[in-house]
Amino acid sequence: GKMNLAGVEHVIVLTAQGEKVAYRHYRIGLKKSGGRTPRVELEELGPSFDFEVRRSREPSVDLERMACKVPKQMAKSAKLKKN
């Protein structure tokens, strides 16, 4: 799909690898290129940090159902809204 690159200023990247999760925050710089599409450069801003998952357990069925529930108003507005 097409994307308006001029409207994007920041990128937040979460990377999960095994038990580790890395958080990085970048500013997007658009540089001239030889073609029609600009060259995109990322400048790391911060904060940046790494997490390590030390404990995990599956939620109960009731808790998982409650966490994944979408309010009725949100479901209705998502159906009506077109991009």
PDB file of N, CA and C in Angstrom:
ATOM      1  N   GLY A   1       0.803  -1.171   0.000  1.00  0.00           N
ATOM      2  CA  GLY A   1       0.000   0.000   0.000  1.00  0.00           C
ATOM      3  C   GLY A   1       0.860   1.254   0.000  1.00  0.00           C
ATOM      4  N   LYS A   2       0.213   2.367  -0.178  1.00  0.00           N
ATOM      5  CA  LYS A   2       0.911   3.651  -0.188  1.00  0.00           C
ATOM      6  C   LYS A   2       0.868   4.269   1.192  1.00  0.00           C
ATOM      7  N   MET A   3       1.895   5.041   1.508  1.00  0.00           N
ATOM      8  CA  MET A   3       1.985   5.682   2.804  1.00  0.00           C
ATOM      9  C   MET A   3       2.556   7.075   2.622  1.00  0.00           C
ATOM     10  N   ASN A   4       1.981   8.057   3.316  1.00  0.00           N
ATOM     11  CA  ASN A   4       2.475   9.420   3.261  1.00  0.00           C
ATOM     12  C   ASN A   4       3.657   9.531   4.218  1.00  0.00           C
ATOM     13  N   LEU A   5       4.870   9.443   3.696  1.00  0.00           N
ATOM     14  CA  LEU A   5       6.066   9.453   4.534  1.00  0.00           C
ATOM     15  C   LEU A   5       6.270  10.792   5.236  1.00  0.00           C
ATOM     16  N   ALA A   6       5.782  11.880   4.663  1.00  0.00           N
ATOM     17  CA  ALA A   6       5.963  13.192   5.277  1.00  0.00           C
ATOM     18  C   ALA A   6       5.182  13.295   6.590  1.00  0.00           C
ATOM     19  N   GLY A   7       4.160  12.485   6.774  1.00  0.00           N
ATOM     20  CA  GLY A   7       3.359  12.527   7.988  1.00  0.00           C
ATOM     21  C   GLY A   7       3.901  11.680   9.121  1.00  0.00           C
ATOM     22  N   VAL A   8       4.924  10.895   8.866  1.00  0.00           N
ATOM     23  CA  VAL A   8       5.487  10.008   9.887  1.00  0.00           C
ATOM     24  C   VAL A   8       6.758  10.650  10.444  1.00  0.00           C
ATOM     25  N   GLU A   9       6.785  10.891  11.752  1.00  0.00           N
ATOM     26  CA  GLU A   9       7.937  11.548  12.369  1.00  0.00           C
ATOM     27  C   GLU A   9       8.723  10.643  13.296  1.00  0.00           C
ATOM     28  N   HIS A  10       8.045   9.726  13.970  1.00  0.00           N
ATOM     29  CA  HIS A  10       8.694   8.867  14.952  1.00  0.00           C
ATOM     30  C   HIS A  10       8.306   7.415  14.724  1.00  0.00           C
ATOM     31  N   VAL A  11       9.189   6.518  15.146  1.00  0.00           N
ATOM     32  CA  VAL A  11       8.918   5.083  15.090  1.00  0.00           C
ATOM     33  C   VAL A  11       9.304   4.492  16.439  1.00  0.00           C
ATOM     34  N   ILE A  12       8.428   3.673  16.992  1.00  0.00           N
ATOM     35  CA  ILE A  12       8.745   2.925  18.206  1.00  0.00           C
ATOM     36  C   ILE A  12       8.818   1.458  17.801  1.00  0.00           C
ATOM     37  N   VAL A  13       9.931   0.820  18.129  1.00  0.00           N
ATOM     38  CA  VAL A  13      10.158  -0.565  17.736  1.00  0.00           C
ATOM     39  C   VAL A  13      10.265  -1.426  18.985  1.00  0.00           C
ATOM     40  N   LEU A  14       9.434  -2.462  19.056  1.00  0.00           N
ATOM     41  CA  LEU A  14       9.519  -3.466  20.105  1.00  0.00           C
ATOM     42  C   LEU A  14       9.932  -4.767  19.441  1.00  0.00           C
ATOM     43  N   THR A  15      11.034  -5.338  19.899  1.00  0.00           N
ATOM     44  CA  THR A  15      11.547  -6.562  19.322  1.00  0.00           C
ATOM     45  C   THR A  15      11.573  -7.634  20.399  1.00  0.00           C
ATOM     46  N   ALA A  16      10.927  -8.753  20.134  1.00  0.00           N
ATOM     47  CA  ALA A  16      10.921  -9.867  21.081  1.00  0.00           C
ATOM     48  C   ALA A  16      11.742 -11.004  20.499  1.00  0.00           C
ATOM     49  N   GLN A  17      12.687 -11.471  21.295  1.00  0.00           N
ATOM     50  CA  GLN A  17      13.520 -12.598  20.866  1.00  0.00           C
ATOM     51  C   GLN A  17      13.720 -13.496  22.072  1.00  0.00           C
ATOM     52  N   GLY A  18      13.039 -14.615  22.047  1.00  0.00           N
ATOM     53  CA  GLY A  18      13.115 -15.523  23.182  1.00  0.00           C
ATOM     54  C   GLY A  18      12.514 -14.878  24.414  1.00  0.00           C
ATOM     55  N   GLU A  19      13.290 -14.781  25.473  1.00  0.00           N
ATOM     56  CA  GLU A  19      12.821 -14.207  26.744  1.00  0.00           C
ATOM     57  C   GLU A  19      13.126 -12.715  26.843  1.00  0.00           C
ATOM     58  N   LYS A  20      13.728 -12.116  25.810  1.00  0.00           N
ATOM     59  CA  LYS A  20      14.126 -10.708  25.868  1.00  0.00           C
ATOM     60  C   LYS A  20      13.253  -9.851  24.958  1.00  0.00           C
ATOM     61  N   VAL A  21      12.952  -8.638  25.435  1.00  0.00           N
ATOM     62  CA  VAL A  21      12.181  -7.667  24.667  1.00  0.00           C
ATOM     63  C   VAL A  21      12.971  -6.364  24.652  1.00  0.00           C
ATOM     64  N   ALA A  22      13.216  -5.816  23.468  1.00  0.00           N
ATOM     65  CA  ALA A  22      13.956  -4.556  23.326  1.00  0.00           C
ATOM     66  C   ALA A  22      13.000  -3.467  22.870  1.00  0.00           C
ATOM     67  N   TYR A  23      13.115  -2.275  23.469  1.00  0.00           N
ATOM     68  CA  TYR A  23      12.310  -1.110  23.130  1.00  0.00           C
ATOM     69  C   TYR A  23      13.246  -0.048  22.581  1.00  0.00           C
ATOM     70  N   ARG A  24      12.957   0.465  21.373  1.00  0.00           N
ATOM     71  CA  ARG A  24      13.768   1.519  20.769  1.00  0.00           C
ATOM     72  C   ARG A  24      12.849   2.589  20.202  1.00  0.00           C
ATOM     73  N   HIS A  25      13.295   3.844  20.259  1.00  0.00           N
ATOM     74  CA  HIS A  25      12.528   4.994  19.771  1.00  0.00           C
ATOM     75  C   HIS A  25      13.405   5.726  18.760  1.00  0.00           C
ATOM     76  N   TYR A  26      12.876   5.931  17.554  1.00  0.00           N
ATOM     77  CA  TYR A  26      13.635   6.558  16.474  1.00  0.00           C
ATOM     78  C   TYR A  26      12.892   7.766  15.916  1.00  0.00           C
ATOM     79  N   ARG A  27      13.657   8.733  15.415  1.00  0.00           N
ATOM     80  CA  ARG A  27      13.118   9.839  14.621  1.00  0.00           C
ATOM     81  C   ARG A  27      13.396   9.492  13.162  1.00  0.00           C
ATOM     82  N   ILE A  28      12.450   9.789  12.307  1.00  0.00           N
ATOM     83  CA  ILE A  28      12.597   9.479  10.891  1.00  0.00           C
ATOM     84  C   ILE A  28      13.106  10.708  10.152  1.00  0.00           C
ATOM     85  N   GLY A  29      14.153  10.528   9.381  1.00  0.00           N
ATOM     86  CA  GLY A  29      14.669  11.584   8.533  1.00  0.00           C
ATOM     87  C   GLY A  29      14.490  11.203   7.079  1.00  0.00           C
ATOM     88  N   LEU A  30      13.932  12.091   6.291  1.00  0.00           N
ATOM     89  CA  LEU A  30      13.735  11.830   4.864  1.00  0.00           C
ATOM     90  C   LEU A  30      14.797  12.589   4.086  1.00  0.00           C
ATOM     91  N   LYS A  31      15.621  11.879   3.349  1.00  0.00           N
ATOM     92  CA  LYS A  31      16.711  12.463   2.563  1.00  0.00           C
ATOM     93  C   LYS A  31      16.395  12.308   1.084  1.00  0.00           C
ATOM     94  N   LYS A  32      16.949  13.198   0.281  1.00  0.00           N
ATOM     95  CA  LYS A  32      16.748  13.110  -1.167  1.00  0.00           C
ATOM     96  C   LYS A  32      17.443  11.869  -1.701  1.00  0.00           C
ATOM     97  N   SER A  33      16.788  11.256  -2.659  1.00  0.00           N
ATOM     98  CA  SER A  33      17.384  10.103  -3.336  1.00  0.00           C
ATOM     99  C   SER A  33      17.298  10.346  -4.832  1.00  0.00           C
ATOM    100  N   GLY A  34      17.866   9.467  -5.586  1.00  0.00           N
ATOM    101  CA  GLY A  34      17.841   9.629  -7.034  1.00  0.00           C
ATOM    102  C   GLY A  34      16.470   9.413  -7.634  1.00  0.00           C
ATOM    103  N   GLY A  35      15.580   8.742  -6.888  1.00  0.00           N
ATOM    104  CA  GLY A  35      14.252   8.432  -7.424  1.00  0.00           C
ATOM    105  C   GLY A  35      13.172   9.310  -6.834  1.00  0.00           C
ATOM    106  N   ARG A  36      11.956   8.856  -7.042  1.00  0.00           N
ATOM    107  CA  ARG A  36      10.791   9.607  -6.577  1.00  0.00           C
ATOM    108  C   ARG A  36      10.568   9.447  -5.068  1.00  0.00           C
ATOM    109  N   THR A  37      10.889   8.283  -4.547  1.00  0.00           N
ATOM    110  CA  THR A  37      10.707   7.996  -3.133  1.00  0.00           C
ATOM    111  C   THR A  37      11.942   8.439  -2.351  1.00  0.00           C
ATOM    112  N   PRO A  38      11.779   9.194  -1.264  1.00  0.00           N
ATOM    113  CA  PRO A  38      12.948   9.648  -0.496  1.00  0.00           C
ATOM    114  C   PRO A  38      13.608   8.496   0.256  1.00  0.00           C
ATOM    115  N   ARG A  39      14.874   8.672   0.560  1.00  0.00           N
ATOM    116  CA  ARG A  39      15.602   7.689   1.369  1.00  0.00           C
ATOM    117  C   ARG A  39      15.240   7.947   2.832  1.00  0.00           C
ATOM    118  N   VAL A  40      14.929   6.901   3.568  1.00  0.00           N
ATOM    119  CA  VAL A  40      14.517   7.025   4.957  1.00  0.00           C
ATOM    120  C   VAL A  40      15.695   6.674   5.857  1.00  0.00           C
ATOM    121  N   GLU A  41      16.006   7.584   6.794  1.00  0.00           N
ATOM    122  CA  GLU A  41      17.063   7.328   7.769  1.00  0.00           C
ATOM    123  C   GLU A  41      16.471   7.397   9.166  1.00  0.00           C
ATOM    124  N   LEU A  42      16.922   6.502  10.041  1.00  0.00           N
ATOM    125  CA  LEU A  42      16.450   6.474  11.416  1.00  0.00           C
ATOM    126  C   LEU A  42      17.538   7.004  12.341  1.00  0.00           C
ATOM    127  N   GLU A  43      17.146   7.902  13.244  1.00  0.00           N
ATOM    128  CA  GLU A  43      18.062   8.432  14.262  1.00  0.00           C
ATOM    129  C   GLU A  43      17.520   8.001  15.619  1.00  0.00           C
ATOM    130  N   GLU A  44      18.319   7.230  16.368  1.00  0.00           N
ATOM    131  CA  GLU A  44      17.843   6.741  17.658  1.00  0.00           C
ATOM    132  C   GLU A  44      17.749   7.895  18.650  1.00  0.00           C
ATOM    133  N   LEU A  45      16.571   8.034  19.277  1.00  0.00           N
ATOM    134  CA  LEU A  45      16.340   9.121  20.217  1.00  0.00           C
ATOM    135  C   LEU A  45      16.450   8.658  21.660  1.00  0.00           C
ATOM    136  N   GLY A  46      15.738   7.666  22.007  1.00  0.00           N
ATOM    137  CA  GLY A  46      15.653   7.227  23.384  1.00  0.00           C
ATOM    138  C   GLY A  46      14.310   7.617  23.942  1.00  0.00           C
ATOM    139  N   PRO A  47      13.883   7.084  25.002  1.00  0.00           N
ATOM    140  CA  PRO A  47      14.641   6.109  25.773  1.00  0.00           C
ATOM    141  C   PRO A  47      14.698   4.775  25.042  1.00  0.00           C
ATOM    142  N   SER A  48      15.718   4.021  25.340  1.00  0.00           N
ATOM    143  CA  SER A  48      15.804   2.657  24.831  1.00  0.00           C
ATOM    144  C   SER A  48      16.164   1.760  26.011  1.00  0.00           C
ATOM    145  N   PHE A  49      15.496   0.640  26.077  1.00  0.00           N
ATOM    146  CA  PHE A  49      15.776  -0.279  27.170  1.00  0.00           C
ATOM    147  C   PHE A  49      15.428  -1.692  26.770  1.00  0.00           C
ATOM    148  N   ASP A  50      15.947  -2.646  27.525  1.00  0.00           N
ATOM    149  CA  ASP A  50      15.731  -4.070  27.292  1.00  0.00           C
ATOM    150  C   ASP A  50      15.027  -4.666  28.497  1.00  0.00           C
ATOM    151  N   PHE A  51      14.089  -5.537  28.232  1.00  0.00           N
ATOM    152  CA  PHE A  51      13.383  -6.265  29.278  1.00  0.00           C
ATOM    153  C   PHE A  51      13.773  -7.727  29.186  1.00  0.00           C
ATOM    154  N   GLU A  52      13.676  -8.411  30.300  1.00  0.00           N
ATOM    155  CA  GLU A  52      13.841  -9.852  30.291  1.00  0.00           C
ATOM    156  C   GLU A  52      12.656 -10.443  31.034  1.00  0.00           C
ATOM    157  N   VAL A  53      11.942 -11.344  30.368  1.00  0.00           N
ATOM    158  CA  VAL A  53      10.790 -11.988  30.975  1.00  0.00           C
ATOM    159  C   VAL A  53      11.316 -13.107  31.861  1.00  0.00           C
ATOM    160  N   ARG A  54      11.103 -12.956  33.156  1.00  0.00           N
ATOM    161  CA  ARG A  54      11.613 -13.969  34.080  1.00  0.00           C
ATOM    162  C   ARG A  54      10.534 -14.934  34.528  1.00  0.00           C
ATOM    163  N   ARG A  55       9.288 -14.484  34.534  1.00  0.00           N
ATOM    164  CA  ARG A  55       8.187 -15.352  34.922  1.00  0.00           C
ATOM    165  C   ARG A  55       7.038 -15.148  33.952  1.00  0.00           C
ATOM    166  N   SER A  56       6.370 -16.204  33.629  1.00  0.00           N
ATOM    167  CA  SER A  56       5.173 -16.083  32.813  1.00  0.00           C
ATOM    168  C   SER A  56       4.256 -17.252  33.141  1.00  0.00           C
ATOM    169  N   ARG A  57       2.967 -16.988  33.034  1.00  0.00           N
ATOM    170  CA  ARG A  57       1.988 -18.051  33.238  1.00  0.00           C
ATOM    171  C   ARG A  57       0.756 -17.708  32.412  1.00  0.00           C
ATOM    172  N   GLU A  58       0.038 -18.716  32.018  1.00  0.00           N
ATOM    173  CA  GLU A  58      -1.169 -18.530  31.231  1.00  0.00           C
ATOM    174  C   GLU A  58      -2.266 -17.968  32.134  1.00  0.00           C
ATOM    175  N   PRO A  59      -3.074 -17.033  31.611  1.00  0.00           N
ATOM    176  CA  PRO A  59      -4.176 -16.507  32.416  1.00  0.00           C
ATOM    177  C   PRO A  59      -5.317 -17.518  32.490  1.00  0.00           C
ATOM    178  N   SER A  60      -6.183 -17.347  33.461  1.00  0.00           N
ATOM    179  CA  SER A  60      -7.389 -18.177  33.517  1.00  0.00           C
ATOM    180  C   SER A  60      -8.252 -17.834  32.305  1.00  0.00           C
ATOM    181  N   VAL A  61      -9.146 -18.720  31.951  1.00  0.00           N
ATOM    182  CA  VAL A  61     -10.014 -18.506  30.786  1.00  0.00           C
ATOM    183  C   VAL A  61     -10.834 -17.233  30.968  1.00  0.00           C
ATOM    184  N   ASP A  62     -11.373 -17.012  32.173  1.00  0.00           N
ATOM    185  CA  ASP A  62     -12.180 -15.818  32.435  1.00  0.00           C
ATOM    186  C   ASP A  62     -11.371 -14.536  32.294  1.00  0.00           C
ATOM    187  N   LEU A  63     -10.152 -14.532  32.825  1.00  0.00           N
ATOM    188  CA  LEU A  63      -9.302 -13.346  32.753  1.00  0.00           C
ATOM    189  C   LEU A  63      -8.903 -13.040  31.311  1.00  0.00           C
ATOM    190  N   GLU A  64      -8.569 -14.067  30.547  1.00  0.00           N
ATOM    191  CA  GLU A  64      -8.209 -13.855  29.139  1.00  0.00           C
ATOM    192  C   GLU A  64      -9.402 -13.324  28.349  1.00  0.00           C
ATOM    193  N   ARG A  65     -10.576 -13.855  28.591  1.00  0.00           N
ATOM    194  CA  ARG A  65     -11.789 -13.402  27.903  1.00  0.00           C
ATOM    195  C   ARG A  65     -12.071 -11.934  28.224  1.00  0.00           C
ATOM    196  N   MET A  66     -11.908 -11.556  29.499  1.00  0.00           N
ATOM    197  CA  MET A  66     -12.150 -10.179  29.911  1.00  0.00           C
ATOM    198  C   MET A  66     -11.107  -9.233  29.292  1.00  0.00           C
ATOM    199  N   ALA A  67      -9.862  -9.665  29.201  1.00  0.00           N
ATOM    200  CA  ALA A  67      -8.797  -8.823  28.648  1.00  0.00           C
ATOM    201  C   ALA A  67      -8.972  -8.595  27.146  1.00  0.00           C
ATOM    202  N   CYS A  68      -9.547  -9.552  26.455  1.00  0.00           N
ATOM    203  CA  CYS A  68      -9.700  -9.455  25.001  1.00  0.00           C
ATOM    204  C   CYS A  68     -11.051  -8.868  24.581  1.00  0.00           C
ATOM    205  N   LYS A  69     -11.899  -8.548  25.541  1.00  0.00           N
ATOM    206  CA  LYS A  69     -13.233  -8.044  25.233  1.00  0.00           C
ATOM    207  C   LYS A  69     -13.157  -6.627  24.660  1.00  0.00           C
ATOM    208  N   VAL A  70     -13.886  -6.400  23.579  1.00  0.00           N
ATOM    209  CA  VAL A  70     -13.965  -5.083  22.952  1.00  0.00           C
ATOM    210  C   VAL A  70     -15.308  -4.471  23.337  1.00  0.00           C
ATOM    211  N   PRO A  71     -15.306  -3.264  23.920  1.00  0.00           N
ATOM    212  CA  PRO A  71     -16.575  -2.627  24.283  1.00  0.00           C
ATOM    213  C   PRO A  71     -17.476  -2.457  23.061  1.00  0.00           C
ATOM    214  N   LYS A  72     -18.796  -2.544  23.271  1.00  0.00           N
ATOM    215  CA  LYS A  72     -19.752  -2.466  22.160  1.00  0.00           C
ATOM    216  C   LYS A  72     -19.624  -1.163  21.383  1.00  0.00           C
ATOM    217  N   GLN A  73     -19.387  -0.047  22.076  1.00  0.00           N
ATOM    218  CA  GLN A  73     -19.245   1.237  21.389  1.00  0.00           C
ATOM    219  C   GLN A  73     -18.033   1.234  20.470  1.00  0.00           C
ATOM    220  N   MET A  74     -16.954   0.632  20.901  1.00  0.00           N
ATOM    221  CA  MET A  74     -15.745   0.574  20.075  1.00  0.00           C
ATOM    222  C   MET A  74     -15.986  -0.295  18.836  1.00  0.00           C
ATOM    223  N   ALA A  75     -16.665  -1.407  19.003  1.00  0.00           N
ATOM    224  CA  ALA A  75     -16.939  -2.309  17.876  1.00  0.00           C
ATOM    225  C   ALA A  75     -17.817  -1.608  16.845  1.00  0.00           C
ATOM    226  N   LYS A  76     -18.812  -0.840  17.308  1.00  0.00           N
ATOM    227  CA  LYS A  76     -19.702  -0.132  16.381  1.00  0.00           C
ATOM    228  C   LYS A  76     -18.949   0.956  15.613  1.00  0.00           C
ATOM    229  N   SER A  77     -18.112   1.730  16.312  1.00  0.00           N
ATOM    230  CA  SER A  77     -17.392   2.823  15.647  1.00  0.00           C
ATOM    231  C   SER A  77     -16.360   2.281  14.661  1.00  0.00           C
ATOM    232  N   ALA A  78     -15.784   1.121  14.942  1.00  0.00           N
ATOM    233  CA  ALA A  78     -14.806   0.536  14.014  1.00  0.00           C
ATOM    234  C   ALA A  78     -15.490   0.098  12.723  1.00  0.00           C
ATOM    235  N   LYS A  79     -16.727  -0.358  12.813  1.00  0.00           N
ATOM    236  CA  LYS A  79     -17.457  -0.785  11.613  1.00  0.00           C
ATOM    237  C   LYS A  79     -17.861   0.404  10.756  1.00  0.00           C
ATOM    238  N   LEU A  80     -18.184   1.527  11.394  1.00  0.00           N
ATOM    239  CA  LEU A  80     -18.657   2.696  10.662  1.00  0.00           C
ATOM    240  C   LEU A  80     -17.525   3.496  10.039  1.00  0.00           C
ATOM    241  N   LYS A  81     -16.348   3.453  10.623  1.00  0.00           N
ATOM    242  CA  LYS A  81     -15.236   4.291  10.192  1.00  0.00           C
ATOM    243  C   LYS A  81     -14.519   3.652   8.999  1.00  0.00           C
ATOM    244  N   LYS A  82     -14.317   4.425   7.955  1.00  0.00           N
ATOM    245  CA  LYS A  82     -13.585   3.952   6.776  1.00  0.00           C
ATOM    246  C   LYS A  82     -12.360   4.804   6.580  1.00  0.00           C
ATOM    247  N   ASN A  83     -11.275   4.169   6.213  1.00  0.00           N
ATOM    248  CA  ASN A  83     -10.027   4.896   5.938  1.00  0.00           C
ATOM    249  C   ASN A  83      -9.746   4.931   4.480  1.00  0.00           C
TER     250      ASN A  83
END
